[in-house]
Amino acid sequence: MQMHFGEKDQSIPLADVEKIRAVVPSSVEIFTYPAGHAFNRDVWQSYEAVSAKLARERTLALFRKHVG
C-alpha cells in the first residue's frame, strides 16, 4: 500500500501524516510532496505537475512489483 500527501495540504496537516506513519505497518509506503490538497487532480487549481508525475511513477512501480 502507498499513501501520498501534500505537505501544504490544509485538510491533512503533516502532524496527522506523522500520526498515520506511526500506526501503519512499515510495509506501507508514505510519501509527501511539496504540494497542496488534491495535487494530482489536473482539473483543480491545486494541481502540481511535478509532484503528480512522481506520485504516478511510484504508484505504477508498486503495481509492476505486486501485480505484474
N, C-alpha and C. Protein backbone atom coordinates (compact mmCIF):
# COMPACT_ATOMS: atom_id res chain seq x y z
N MET A 1 0.84 -1.17 0.00
CA MET A 1 0.00 0.00 0.00
C MET A 1 0.89 1.24 0.00
N GLN A 2 0.41 2.26 -0.66
CA GLN A 2 1.08 3.55 -0.66
C GLN A 2 0.10 4.63 -0.26
N MET A 3 0.64 5.67 0.34
CA MET A 3 -0.13 6.86 0.66
C MET A 3 0.66 8.06 0.17
N HIS A 4 -0.04 9.01 -0.43
CA HIS A 4 0.59 10.20 -0.98
C HIS A 4 -0.08 11.44 -0.38
N PHE A 5 0.72 12.32 0.21
CA PHE A 5 0.19 13.51 0.87
C PHE A 5 0.92 14.76 0.40
N GLY A 6 0.19 15.85 0.33
CA GLY A 6 0.80 17.14 0.04
C GLY A 6 1.24 17.81 1.34
N GLU A 7 2.45 18.30 1.36
CA GLU A 7 2.99 18.94 2.56
C GLU A 7 2.26 20.25 2.89
N LYS A 8 1.60 20.83 1.90
CA LYS A 8 0.88 22.10 2.10
C LYS A 8 -0.63 21.87 2.20
N ASP A 9 -1.04 20.64 2.37
CA ASP A 9 -2.45 20.29 2.45
C ASP A 9 -3.03 20.78 3.76
N GLN A 10 -3.98 21.69 3.70
CA GLN A 10 -4.60 22.22 4.92
C GLN A 10 -5.66 21.27 5.47
N SER A 11 -6.09 20.31 4.66
CA SER A 11 -7.08 19.33 5.13
C SER A 11 -6.43 18.20 5.93
N ILE A 12 -5.20 17.86 5.56
CA ILE A 12 -4.47 16.79 6.24
C ILE A 12 -3.09 17.36 6.62
N PRO A 13 -2.97 17.94 7.79
CA PRO A 13 -1.69 18.53 8.20
C PRO A 13 -0.59 17.48 8.33
N LEU A 14 0.65 17.91 8.20
CA LEU A 14 1.78 16.98 8.31
C LEU A 14 1.80 16.28 9.67
N ALA A 15 1.32 16.95 10.70
CA ALA A 15 1.26 16.30 12.02
C ALA A 15 0.36 15.06 11.96
N ASP A 16 -0.72 15.13 11.19
CA ASP A 16 -1.60 13.97 11.03
C ASP A 16 -0.93 12.88 10.20
N VAL A 17 -0.17 13.30 9.20
CA VAL A 17 0.57 12.32 8.39
C VAL A 17 1.55 11.55 9.29
N GLU A 18 2.19 12.25 10.19
CA GLU A 18 3.12 11.59 11.11
C GLU A 18 2.39 10.63 12.06
N LYS A 19 1.19 10.98 12.47
CA LYS A 19 0.39 10.07 13.30
C LYS A 19 0.05 8.80 12.52
N ILE A 20 -0.30 8.97 11.25
CA ILE A 20 -0.59 7.82 10.40
C ILE A 20 0.65 6.96 10.26
N ARG A 21 1.76 7.61 9.97
CA ARG A 21 3.04 6.90 9.79
C ARG A 21 3.37 6.07 11.04
N ALA A 22 3.03 6.57 12.21
CA ALA A 22 3.35 5.89 13.47
C ALA A 22 2.53 4.63 13.70
N VAL A 23 1.37 4.52 13.06
CA VAL A 23 0.50 3.38 13.36
C VAL A 23 0.34 2.37 12.22
N VAL A 24 0.77 2.71 11.03
CA VAL A 24 0.64 1.75 9.93
C VAL A 24 1.88 0.85 9.89
N PRO A 25 1.73 -0.33 9.34
CA PRO A 25 2.90 -1.22 9.23
C PRO A 25 4.01 -0.59 8.39
N SER A 26 5.22 -1.00 8.63
CA SER A 26 6.36 -0.44 7.89
C SER A 26 6.30 -0.78 6.41
N SER A 27 5.50 -1.76 6.04
CA SER A 27 5.36 -2.11 4.63
C SER A 27 4.56 -1.07 3.84
N VAL A 28 3.86 -0.19 4.54
CA VAL A 28 3.09 0.87 3.88
C VAL A 28 4.05 2.02 3.56
N GLU A 29 4.10 2.37 2.29
CA GLU A 29 4.97 3.48 1.87
C GLU A 29 4.18 4.78 1.97
N ILE A 30 4.75 5.75 2.67
CA ILE A 30 4.10 7.05 2.81
C ILE A 30 5.02 8.09 2.20
N PHE A 31 4.49 8.81 1.23
CA PHE A 31 5.25 9.84 0.53
C PHE A 31 4.60 11.19 0.74
N THR A 32 5.43 12.21 0.87
CA THR A 32 4.93 13.58 0.92
C THR A 32 5.56 14.37 -0.22
N TYR A 33 4.83 15.38 -0.65
CA TYR A 33 5.23 16.19 -1.80
C TYR A 33 5.04 17.66 -1.46
N PRO A 34 5.84 18.54 -2.07
CA PRO A 34 5.69 19.98 -1.82
C PRO A 34 4.48 20.53 -2.57
N ALA A 35 3.31 20.11 -2.13
CA ALA A 35 2.08 20.44 -2.84
C ALA A 35 0.93 20.53 -1.85
N GLY A 36 -0.21 20.99 -2.34
CA GLY A 36 -1.41 21.09 -1.52
C GLY A 36 -2.34 19.91 -1.71
N HIS A 37 -3.55 20.06 -1.22
CA HIS A 37 -4.57 19.03 -1.32
C HIS A 37 -4.93 18.78 -2.78
N ALA A 38 -5.15 17.54 -3.13
CA ALA A 38 -5.57 17.13 -4.48
C ALA A 38 -4.55 17.55 -5.54
N PHE A 39 -3.27 17.45 -5.20
CA PHE A 39 -2.22 17.87 -6.12
C PHE A 39 -2.18 17.05 -7.40
N ASN A 40 -2.84 15.91 -7.40
CA ASN A 40 -2.82 15.03 -8.57
C ASN A 40 -4.06 15.18 -9.46
N ARG A 41 -4.95 16.07 -9.11
CA ARG A 41 -6.18 16.27 -9.91
C ARG A 41 -5.95 17.43 -10.87
N ASP A 42 -5.74 17.10 -12.12
CA ASP A 42 -5.35 18.11 -13.10
C ASP A 42 -6.47 19.09 -13.47
N VAL A 43 -7.64 18.91 -12.92
CA VAL A 43 -8.74 19.86 -13.16
C VAL A 43 -8.89 20.85 -12.00
N TRP A 44 -8.06 20.73 -10.98
CA TRP A 44 -8.12 21.64 -9.84
C TRP A 44 -6.98 22.63 -9.90
N GLN A 45 -7.19 23.76 -9.29
CA GLN A 45 -6.17 24.79 -9.24
C GLN A 45 -4.95 24.34 -8.44
N SER A 46 -5.13 23.39 -7.53
CA SER A 46 -4.02 22.91 -6.69
C SER A 46 -3.14 21.89 -7.39
N TYR A 47 -3.46 21.55 -8.64
CA TYR A 47 -2.66 20.57 -9.39
C TYR A 47 -1.20 20.99 -9.40
N GLU A 48 -0.33 20.05 -9.12
CA GLU A 48 1.12 20.29 -9.08
C GLU A 48 1.77 19.20 -9.93
N ALA A 49 2.13 19.54 -11.15
CA ALA A 49 2.55 18.57 -12.16
C ALA A 49 3.76 17.73 -11.74
N VAL A 50 4.76 18.34 -11.16
CA VAL A 50 5.97 17.59 -10.80
C VAL A 50 5.65 16.54 -9.73
N SER A 51 4.92 16.95 -8.71
CA SER A 51 4.54 16.01 -7.65
C SER A 51 3.61 14.93 -8.18
N ALA A 52 2.67 15.31 -9.02
CA ALA A 52 1.73 14.35 -9.60
C ALA A 52 2.47 13.29 -10.42
N LYS A 53 3.45 13.73 -11.19
CA LYS A 53 4.23 12.80 -12.02
C LYS A 53 4.99 11.81 -11.15
N LEU A 54 5.62 12.30 -10.09
CA LEU A 54 6.37 11.43 -9.19
C LEU A 54 5.45 10.45 -8.47
N ALA A 55 4.31 10.93 -8.02
CA ALA A 55 3.34 10.04 -7.36
C ALA A 55 2.87 8.95 -8.32
N ARG A 56 2.63 9.33 -9.56
CA ARG A 56 2.20 8.34 -10.57
C ARG A 56 3.30 7.31 -10.81
N GLU A 57 4.53 7.76 -10.95
CA GLU A 57 5.65 6.83 -11.17
C GLU A 57 5.78 5.85 -10.02
N ARG A 58 5.65 6.36 -8.80
CA ARG A 58 5.75 5.48 -7.63
C ARG A 58 4.60 4.49 -7.58
N THR A 59 3.41 4.94 -7.92
CA THR A 59 2.24 4.06 -7.92
C THR A 59 2.39 2.97 -8.98
N LEU A 60 2.81 3.35 -10.18
CA LEU A 60 2.98 2.36 -11.24
C LEU A 60 4.08 1.36 -10.90
N ALA A 61 5.14 1.81 -10.24
CA ALA A 61 6.19 0.89 -9.80
C ALA A 61 5.65 -0.12 -8.80
N LEU A 62 4.79 0.35 -7.89
CA LEU A 62 4.16 -0.56 -6.93
C LEU A 62 3.31 -1.60 -7.67
N PHE A 63 2.54 -1.17 -8.66
CA PHE A 63 1.72 -2.10 -9.44
C PHE A 63 2.59 -3.11 -10.17
N ARG A 64 3.67 -2.65 -10.80
CA ARG A 64 4.56 -3.58 -11.53
C ARG A 64 5.14 -4.62 -10.57
N LYS A 65 5.50 -4.19 -9.39
CA LYS A 65 6.12 -5.09 -8.42
C LYS A 65 5.14 -6.13 -7.89
N HIS A 66 3.91 -5.71 -7.61
CA HIS A 66 2.98 -6.60 -6.92
C HIS A 66 1.86 -7.17 -7.80
N VAL A 67 1.61 -6.55 -8.95
CA VAL A 67 0.53 -7.03 -9.80
C VAL A 67 1.08 -7.65 -11.08
N GLY A 68 2.11 -7.04 -11.60
CA GLY A 68 2.72 -7.59 -12.81
C GLY A 68 2.59 -6.68 -14.00
